[in-house]
Amino acid sequence: MSLAVLATAFLLTVTLGYVVKCWLSPFGDCRKCDGMGHDFKTDRKGKTKRGRDCRRCDATGKRIRVGRWIYNRAARTYRAGTR
């Protein structure tokens, strides 16, 4: 087999895997707060305290995945165009 066929098969497998992941689990952990919903801060003594609620995920700890966001936008555009 040629290298181009292997590269194409690999990219197709990765893409289909991401599509399935977005279909089964459309929400992932927020990258800013690591899915906790709030930041952690340390004081001068080294104690960890709960900080403010995360603004990116509205303190839920979950964000919509990029692939699901693209799908939702395309579906909304398609529905609006067929009315």
PDB file of N, CA and C in Angstrom:
ATOM      1  N   MET A   1       0.832  -1.180   0.000  1.00  0.00           N
ATOM      2  CA  MET A   1       0.000   0.000   0.000  1.00  0.00           C
ATOM      3  C   MET A   1       0.875   1.241   0.000  1.00  0.00           C
ATOM      4  N   SER A   2       0.331   2.253  -0.566  1.00  0.00           N
ATOM      5  CA  SER A   2       1.126   3.478  -0.621  1.00  0.00           C
ATOM      6  C   SER A   2       0.906   4.299   0.649  1.00  0.00           C
ATOM      7  N   LEU A   3       1.784   5.221   0.857  1.00  0.00           N
ATOM      8  CA  LEU A   3       1.724   6.077   2.037  1.00  0.00           C
ATOM      9  C   LEU A   3       0.498   6.979   2.009  1.00  0.00           C
ATOM     10  N   ALA A   4       0.081   7.410   0.834  1.00  0.00           N
ATOM     11  CA  ALA A   4      -1.095   8.284   0.723  1.00  0.00           C
ATOM     12  C   ALA A   4      -2.368   7.550   1.136  1.00  0.00           C
ATOM     13  N   VAL A   5      -2.470   6.274   0.807  1.00  0.00           N
ATOM     14  CA  VAL A   5      -3.652   5.494   1.174  1.00  0.00           C
ATOM     15  C   VAL A   5      -3.697   5.313   2.695  1.00  0.00           C
ATOM     16  N   LEU A   6      -2.566   5.028   3.297  1.00  0.00           N
ATOM     17  CA  LEU A   6      -2.515   4.875   4.750  1.00  0.00           C
ATOM     18  C   LEU A   6      -2.845   6.184   5.471  1.00  0.00           C
ATOM     19  N   ALA A   7      -2.327   7.284   4.957  1.00  0.00           N
ATOM     20  CA  ALA A   7      -2.615   8.582   5.574  1.00  0.00           C
ATOM     21  C   ALA A   7      -4.094   8.925   5.448  1.00  0.00           C
ATOM     22  N   THR A   8      -4.673   8.638   4.291  1.00  0.00           N
ATOM     23  CA  THR A   8      -6.098   8.901   4.092  1.00  0.00           C
ATOM     24  C   THR A   8      -6.948   8.031   5.011  1.00  0.00           C
ATOM     25  N   ALA A   9      -6.599   6.771   5.143  1.00  0.00           N
ATOM     26  CA  ALA A   9      -7.340   5.870   6.025  1.00  0.00           C
ATOM     27  C   ALA A   9      -7.233   6.324   7.485  1.00  0.00           C
ATOM     28  N   PHE A  10      -6.065   6.772   7.894  1.00  0.00           N
ATOM     29  CA  PHE A  10      -5.873   7.257   9.254  1.00  0.00           C
ATOM     30  C   PHE A  10      -6.717   8.496   9.526  1.00  0.00           C
ATOM     31  N   LEU A  11      -6.681   9.458   8.606  1.00  0.00           N
ATOM     32  CA  LEU A  11      -7.458  10.686   8.781  1.00  0.00           C
ATOM     33  C   LEU A  11      -8.959  10.403   8.785  1.00  0.00           C
ATOM     34  N   LEU A  12      -9.397   9.489   7.954  1.00  0.00           N
ATOM     35  CA  LEU A  12     -10.809   9.115   7.919  1.00  0.00           C
ATOM     36  C   LEU A  12     -11.232   8.458   9.231  1.00  0.00           C
ATOM     37  N   THR A  13     -10.382   7.614   9.773  1.00  0.00           N
ATOM     38  CA  THR A  13     -10.681   6.955  11.043  1.00  0.00           C
ATOM     39  C   THR A  13     -10.760   7.965  12.187  1.00  0.00           C
ATOM     40  N   VAL A  14      -9.827   8.891  12.238  1.00  0.00           N
ATOM     41  CA  VAL A  14      -9.825   9.910  13.286  1.00  0.00           C
ATOM     42  C   VAL A  14     -11.059  10.803  13.163  1.00  0.00           C
ATOM     43  N   THR A  15     -11.399  11.201  11.953  1.00  0.00           N
ATOM     44  CA  THR A  15     -12.558  12.063  11.734  1.00  0.00           C
ATOM     45  C   THR A  15     -13.851  11.364  12.125  1.00  0.00           C
ATOM     46  N   LEU A  16     -14.020  10.130  11.706  1.00  0.00           N
ATOM     47  CA  LEU A  16     -15.223   9.392  12.061  1.00  0.00           C
ATOM     48  C   LEU A  16     -15.303   9.145  13.570  1.00  0.00           C
ATOM     49  N   GLY A  17     -14.174   8.916  14.200  1.00  0.00           N
ATOM     50  CA  GLY A  17     -14.158   8.747  15.653  1.00  0.00           C
ATOM     51  C   GLY A  17     -14.601  10.011  16.374  1.00  0.00           C
ATOM     52  N   TYR A  18     -14.159  11.175  15.879  1.00  0.00           N
ATOM     53  CA  TYR A  18     -14.563  12.442  16.495  1.00  0.00           C
ATOM     54  C   TYR A  18     -16.047  12.718  16.266  1.00  0.00           C
ATOM     55  N   VAL A  19     -16.552  12.354  15.087  1.00  0.00           N
ATOM     56  CA  VAL A  19     -17.976  12.525  14.801  1.00  0.00           C
ATOM     57  C   VAL A  19     -18.813  11.677  15.760  1.00  0.00           C
ATOM     58  N   VAL A  20     -18.399  10.447  15.985  1.00  0.00           N
ATOM     59  CA  VAL A  20     -19.126   9.574  16.912  1.00  0.00           C
ATOM     60  C   VAL A  20     -19.054  10.128  18.338  1.00  0.00           C
ATOM     61  N   LYS A  21     -17.898  10.644  18.722  1.00  0.00           N
ATOM     62  CA  LYS A  21     -17.754  11.214  20.063  1.00  0.00           C
ATOM     63  C   LYS A  21     -18.663  12.430  20.246  1.00  0.00           C
ATOM     64  N   CYS A  22     -18.751  13.289  19.226  1.00  0.00           N
ATOM     65  CA  CYS A  22     -19.635  14.456  19.305  1.00  0.00           C
ATOM     66  C   CYS A  22     -21.097  14.044  19.314  1.00  0.00           C
ATOM     67  N   TRP A  23     -21.424  12.943  18.669  1.00  0.00           N
ATOM     68  CA  TRP A  23     -22.801  12.467  18.633  1.00  0.00           C
ATOM     69  C   TRP A  23     -23.200  11.869  19.977  1.00  0.00           C
ATOM     70  N   LEU A  24     -22.316  11.060  20.570  1.00  0.00           N
ATOM     71  CA  LEU A  24     -22.634  10.400  21.827  1.00  0.00           C
ATOM     72  C   LEU A  24     -22.478  11.322  23.032  1.00  0.00           C
ATOM     73  N   SER A  25     -21.504  12.209  22.994  1.00  0.00           N
ATOM     74  CA  SER A  25     -21.240  13.102  24.119  1.00  0.00           C
ATOM     75  C   SER A  25     -20.993  14.518  23.591  1.00  0.00           C
ATOM     76  N   PRO A  26     -22.067  15.294  23.372  1.00  0.00           N
ATOM     77  CA  PRO A  26     -21.890  16.619  22.770  1.00  0.00           C
ATOM     78  C   PRO A  26     -21.211  17.639  23.676  1.00  0.00           C
ATOM     79  N   PHE A  27     -21.156  17.388  24.973  1.00  0.00           N
ATOM     80  CA  PHE A  27     -20.539  18.330  25.899  1.00  0.00           C
ATOM     81  C   PHE A  27     -19.258  17.742  26.468  1.00  0.00           C
ATOM     82  N   GLY A  28     -18.234  18.577  26.567  1.00  0.00           N
ATOM     83  CA  GLY A  28     -16.969  18.183  27.172  1.00  0.00           C
ATOM     84  C   GLY A  28     -16.648  19.102  28.335  1.00  0.00           C
ATOM     85  N   ASP A  29     -15.610  18.771  29.077  1.00  0.00           N
ATOM     86  CA  ASP A  29     -15.203  19.598  30.208  1.00  0.00           C
ATOM     87  C   ASP A  29     -14.685  20.949  29.722  1.00  0.00           C
ATOM     88  N   CYS A  30     -14.978  21.961  30.498  1.00  0.00           N
ATOM     89  CA  CYS A  30     -14.479  23.299  30.202  1.00  0.00           C
ATOM     90  C   CYS A  30     -12.957  23.294  30.360  1.00  0.00           C
ATOM     91  N   ARG A  31     -12.263  23.905  29.412  1.00  0.00           N
ATOM     92  CA  ARG A  31     -10.805  23.904  29.469  1.00  0.00           C
ATOM     93  C   ARG A  31     -10.259  24.913  30.469  1.00  0.00           C
ATOM     94  N   LYS A  32     -11.020  25.947  30.760  1.00  0.00           N
ATOM     95  CA  LYS A  32     -10.516  26.973  31.673  1.00  0.00           C
ATOM     96  C   LYS A  32     -10.548  26.490  33.120  1.00  0.00           C
ATOM     97  N   CYS A  33     -11.665  25.882  33.519  1.00  0.00           N
ATOM     98  CA  CYS A  33     -11.807  25.471  34.921  1.00  0.00           C
ATOM     99  C   CYS A  33     -11.647  23.964  35.102  1.00  0.00           C
ATOM    100  N   ASP A  34     -11.274  23.241  34.056  1.00  0.00           N
ATOM    101  CA  ASP A  34     -11.088  21.789  34.087  1.00  0.00           C
ATOM    102  C   ASP A  34     -12.337  21.048  34.541  1.00  0.00           C
ATOM    103  N   GLY A  35     -13.505  21.592  34.192  1.00  0.00           N
ATOM    104  CA  GLY A  35     -14.760  20.924  34.502  1.00  0.00           C
ATOM    105  C   GLY A  35     -15.234  21.095  35.930  1.00  0.00           C
ATOM    106  N   MET A  36     -14.607  21.972  36.690  1.00  0.00           N
ATOM    107  CA  MET A  36     -14.998  22.168  38.094  1.00  0.00           C
ATOM    108  C   MET A  36     -16.071  23.238  38.247  1.00  0.00           C
ATOM    109  N   GLY A  37     -16.164  24.169  37.312  1.00  0.00           N
ATOM    110  CA  GLY A  37     -17.158  25.228  37.399  1.00  0.00           C
ATOM    111  C   GLY A  37     -16.666  26.473  38.103  1.00  0.00           C
ATOM    112  N   HIS A  38     -15.487  26.404  38.700  1.00  0.00           N
ATOM    113  CA  HIS A  38     -14.916  27.564  39.369  1.00  0.00           C
ATOM    114  C   HIS A  38     -13.399  27.436  39.379  1.00  0.00           C
ATOM    115  N   ASP A  39     -12.761  28.550  39.575  1.00  0.00           N
ATOM    116  CA  ASP A  39     -11.303  28.573  39.637  1.00  0.00           C
ATOM    117  C   ASP A  39     -10.843  28.288  41.062  1.00  0.00           C
ATOM    118  N   PHE A  40      -9.637  27.788  41.174  1.00  0.00           N
ATOM    119  CA  PHE A  40      -9.018  27.607  42.481  1.00  0.00           C
ATOM    120  C   PHE A  40      -7.912  28.622  42.632  1.00  0.00           C
ATOM    121  N   LYS A  41      -7.851  29.229  43.805  1.00  0.00           N
ATOM    122  CA  LYS A  41      -6.807  30.203  44.087  1.00  0.00           C
ATOM    123  C   LYS A  41      -6.085  29.774  45.347  1.00  0.00           C
ATOM    124  N   THR A  42      -4.826  30.120  45.430  1.00  0.00           N
ATOM    125  CA  THR A  42      -4.054  29.825  46.637  1.00  0.00           C
ATOM    126  C   THR A  42      -3.719  31.133  47.332  1.00  0.00           C
ATOM    127  N   ASP A  43      -3.773  31.109  48.652  1.00  0.00           N
ATOM    128  CA  ASP A  43      -3.413  32.302  49.396  1.00  0.00           C
ATOM    129  C   ASP A  43      -1.921  32.281  49.704  1.00  0.00           C
ATOM    130  N   ARG A  44      -1.458  33.212  50.481  1.00  0.00           N
ATOM    131  CA  ARG A  44      -0.025  33.331  50.768  1.00  0.00           C
ATOM    132  C   ARG A  44       0.513  32.160  51.579  1.00  0.00           C
ATOM    133  N   LYS A  45      -0.346  31.520  52.357  1.00  0.00           N
ATOM    134  CA  LYS A  45       0.083  30.391  53.173  1.00  0.00           C
ATOM    135  C   LYS A  45       0.077  29.077  52.400  1.00  0.00           C
ATOM    136  N   GLY A  46      -0.403  29.127  51.163  1.00  0.00           N
ATOM    137  CA  GLY A  46      -0.430  27.919  50.356  1.00  0.00           C
ATOM    138  C   GLY A  46      -1.739  27.154  50.410  1.00  0.00           C
ATOM    139  N   LYS A  47      -2.712  27.684  51.148  1.00  0.00           N
ATOM    140  CA  LYS A  47      -4.012  27.027  51.208  1.00  0.00           C
ATOM    141  C   LYS A  47      -4.774  27.273  49.911  1.00  0.00           C
ATOM    142  N   THR A  48      -5.491  26.250  49.474  1.00  0.00           N
ATOM    143  CA  THR A  48      -6.278  26.367  48.254  1.00  0.00           C
ATOM    144  C   THR A  48      -7.694  26.790  48.621  1.00  0.00           C
ATOM    145  N   LYS A  49      -8.175  27.816  47.932  1.00  0.00           N
ATOM    146  CA  LYS A  49      -9.527  28.305  48.158  1.00  0.00           C
ATOM    147  C   LYS A  49     -10.296  28.285  46.842  1.00  0.00           C
ATOM    148  N   ARG A  50     -11.604  28.162  46.994  1.00  0.00           N
ATOM    149  CA  ARG A  50     -12.464  28.192  45.823  1.00  0.00           C
ATOM    150  C   ARG A  50     -12.549  29.628  45.336  1.00  0.00           C
ATOM    151  N   GLY A  51     -12.310  29.829  44.039  1.00  0.00           N
ATOM    152  CA  GLY A  51     -12.360  31.165  43.473  1.00  0.00           C
ATOM    153  C   GLY A  51     -13.730  31.481  42.905  1.00  0.00           C
ATOM    154  N   ARG A  52     -13.763  32.366  41.960  1.00  0.00           N
ATOM    155  CA  ARG A  52     -15.011  32.786  41.335  1.00  0.00           C
ATOM    156  C   ARG A  52     -15.547  31.705  40.410  1.00  0.00           C
ATOM    157  N   ASP A  53     -16.840  31.822  40.118  1.00  0.00           N
ATOM    158  CA  ASP A  53     -17.444  30.920  39.141  1.00  0.00           C
ATOM    159  C   ASP A  53     -16.859  31.190  37.762  1.00  0.00           C
ATOM    160  N   CYS A  54     -16.723  30.145  36.979  1.00  0.00           N
ATOM    161  CA  CYS A  54     -16.143  30.250  35.638  1.00  0.00           C
ATOM    162  C   CYS A  54     -17.108  30.986  34.719  1.00  0.00           C
ATOM    163  N   ARG A  55     -16.590  31.978  33.988  1.00  0.00           N
ATOM    164  CA  ARG A  55     -17.441  32.748  33.087  1.00  0.00           C
ATOM    165  C   ARG A  55     -17.650  32.033  31.755  1.00  0.00           C
ATOM    166  N   ARG A  56     -16.714  31.204  31.347  1.00  0.00           N
ATOM    167  CA  ARG A  56     -16.841  30.525  30.060  1.00  0.00           C
ATOM    168  C   ARG A  56     -17.967  29.509  30.049  1.00  0.00           C
ATOM    169  N   CYS A  57     -18.090  28.751  31.119  1.00  0.00           N
ATOM    170  CA  CYS A  57     -19.096  27.681  31.146  1.00  0.00           C
ATOM    171  C   CYS A  57     -20.275  28.028  32.046  1.00  0.00           C
ATOM    172  N   ASP A  58     -20.334  29.238  32.564  1.00  0.00           N
ATOM    173  CA  ASP A  58     -21.395  29.679  33.482  1.00  0.00           C
ATOM    174  C   ASP A  58     -21.489  28.775  34.706  1.00  0.00           C
ATOM    175  N   ALA A  59     -20.356  28.339  35.204  1.00  0.00           N
ATOM    176  CA  ALA A  59     -20.227  27.529  36.416  1.00  0.00           C
ATOM    177  C   ALA A  59     -20.848  26.143  36.291  1.00  0.00           C
ATOM    178  N   THR A  60     -21.036  25.645  35.066  1.00  0.00           N
ATOM    179  CA  THR A  60     -21.554  24.295  34.884  1.00  0.00           C
ATOM    180  C   THR A  60     -20.427  23.278  34.756  1.00  0.00           C
ATOM    181  N   GLY A  61     -19.267  23.732  34.294  1.00  0.00           N
ATOM    182  CA  GLY A  61     -18.144  22.828  34.100  1.00  0.00           C
ATOM    183  C   GLY A  61     -18.155  22.155  32.750  1.00  0.00           C
ATOM    184  N   LYS A  62     -19.181  22.399  31.938  1.00  0.00           N
ATOM    185  CA  LYS A  62     -19.294  21.756  30.633  1.00  0.00           C
ATOM    186  C   LYS A  62     -19.374  22.802  29.528  1.00  0.00           C
ATOM    187  N   ARG A  63     -18.774  22.480  28.389  1.00  0.00           N
ATOM    188  CA  ARG A  63     -18.841  23.318  27.190  1.00  0.00           C
ATOM    189  C   ARG A  63     -19.214  22.434  26.014  1.00  0.00           C
ATOM    190  N   ILE A  64     -19.864  22.997  25.008  1.00  0.00           N
ATOM    191  CA  ILE A  64     -20.224  22.233  23.828  1.00  0.00           C
ATOM    192  C   ILE A  64     -18.974  22.010  22.984  1.00  0.00           C
ATOM    193  N   ARG A  65     -18.836  20.817  22.431  1.00  0.00           N
ATOM    194  CA  ARG A  65     -17.662  20.493  21.618  1.00  0.00           C
ATOM    195  C   ARG A  65     -17.705  21.259  20.304  1.00  0.00           C
ATOM    196  N   VAL A  66     -16.547  21.506  19.706  1.00  0.00           N
ATOM    197  CA  VAL A  66     -16.452  22.267  18.474  1.00  0.00           C
ATOM    198  C   VAL A  66     -17.206  21.562  17.344  1.00  0.00           C
ATOM    199  N   GLY A  67     -17.048  20.266  17.240  1.00  0.00           N
ATOM    200  CA  GLY A  67     -17.726  19.520  16.179  1.00  0.00           C
ATOM    201  C   GLY A  67     -19.236  19.580  16.318  1.00  0.00           C
ATOM    202  N   ARG A  68     -19.749  19.506  17.539  1.00  0.00           N
ATOM    203  CA  ARG A  68     -21.186  19.586  17.755  1.00  0.00           C
ATOM    204  C   ARG A  68     -21.686  20.995  17.475  1.00  0.00           C
ATOM    205  N   TRP A  69     -20.888  22.005  17.814  1.00  0.00           N
ATOM    206  CA  TRP A  69     -21.260  23.381  17.533  1.00  0.00           C
ATOM    207  C   TRP A  69     -21.388  23.608  16.033  1.00  0.00           C
ATOM    208  N   ILE A  70     -20.450  23.059  15.262  1.00  0.00           N
ATOM    209  CA  ILE A  70     -20.499  23.178  13.794  1.00  0.00           C
ATOM    210  C   ILE A  70     -21.729  22.467  13.253  1.00  0.00           C
ATOM    211  N   TYR A  71     -22.016  21.272  13.765  1.00  0.00           N
ATOM    212  CA  TYR A  71     -23.208  20.543  13.319  1.00  0.00           C
ATOM    213  C   TYR A  71     -24.481  21.314  13.639  1.00  0.00           C
ATOM    214  N   ASN A  72     -24.592  21.848  14.849  1.00  0.00           N
ATOM    215  CA  ASN A  72     -25.777  22.613  15.231  1.00  0.00           C
ATOM    216  C   ASN A  72     -25.963  23.835  14.337  1.00  0.00           C
ATOM    217  N   ARG A  73     -24.879  24.528  14.037  1.00  0.00           N
ATOM    218  CA  ARG A  73     -24.957  25.709  13.178  1.00  0.00           C
ATOM    219  C   ARG A  73     -25.398  25.330  11.768  1.00  0.00           C
ATOM    220  N   ALA A  74     -24.853  24.246  11.226  1.00  0.00           N
ATOM    221  CA  ALA A  74     -25.232  23.807   9.876  1.00  0.00           C
ATOM    222  C   ALA A  74     -26.692  23.354   9.839  1.00  0.00           C
ATOM    223  N   ALA A  75     -27.139  22.634  10.851  1.00  0.00           N
ATOM    224  CA  ALA A  75     -28.526  22.180  10.897  1.00  0.00           C
ATOM    225  C   ALA A  75     -29.485  23.361  11.019  1.00  0.00           C
ATOM    226  N   ARG A  76     -29.133  24.355  11.824  1.00  0.00           N
ATOM    227  CA  ARG A  76     -29.975  25.539  11.983  1.00  0.00           C
ATOM    228  C   ARG A  76     -30.063  26.321  10.675  1.00  0.00           C
ATOM    229  N   THR A  77     -28.945  26.447   9.961  1.00  0.00           N
ATOM    230  CA  THR A  77     -28.936  27.140   8.679  1.00  0.00           C
ATOM    231  C   THR A  77     -29.767  26.388   7.647  1.00  0.00           C
ATOM    232  N   TYR A  78     -29.667  25.070   7.639  1.00  0.00           N
ATOM    233  CA  TYR A  78     -30.447  24.246   6.704  1.00  0.00           C
ATOM    234  C   TYR A  78     -31.945  24.380   6.974  1.00  0.00           C
ATOM    235  N   ARG A  79     -32.315  24.329   8.258  1.00  0.00           N
ATOM    236  CA  ARG A  79     -33.736  24.462   8.606  1.00  0.00           C
ATOM    237  C   ARG A  79     -34.280  25.825   8.246  1.00  0.00           C
ATOM    238  N   ALA A  80     -33.477  26.879   8.444  1.00  0.00           N
ATOM    239  CA  ALA A  80     -33.922  28.214   8.112  1.00  0.00           C
ATOM    240  C   ALA A  80     -34.048  28.414   6.612  1.00  0.00           C
ATOM    241  N   GLY A  81     -33.258  27.698   5.841  1.00  0.00           N
ATOM    242  CA  GLY A  81     -33.289  27.852   4.388  1.00  0.00           C
ATOM    243  C   GLY A  81     -34.385  27.056   3.712  1.00  0.00           C
ATOM    244  N   THR A  82     -34.955  26.071   4.414  1.00  0.00           N
ATOM    245  CA  THR A  82     -35.980  25.232   3.798  1.00  0.00           C
ATOM    246  C   THR A  82     -37.385  25.637   4.209  1.00  0.00           C
ATOM    247  N   ARG A  83     -37.537  26.722   4.926  1.00  0.00           N
ATOM    248  CA  ARG A  83     -38.881  27.159   5.325  1.00  0.00           C
ATOM    249  C   ARG A  83     -39.551  27.938   4.239  1.00  0.00           C
TER     250      ARG A  83
END
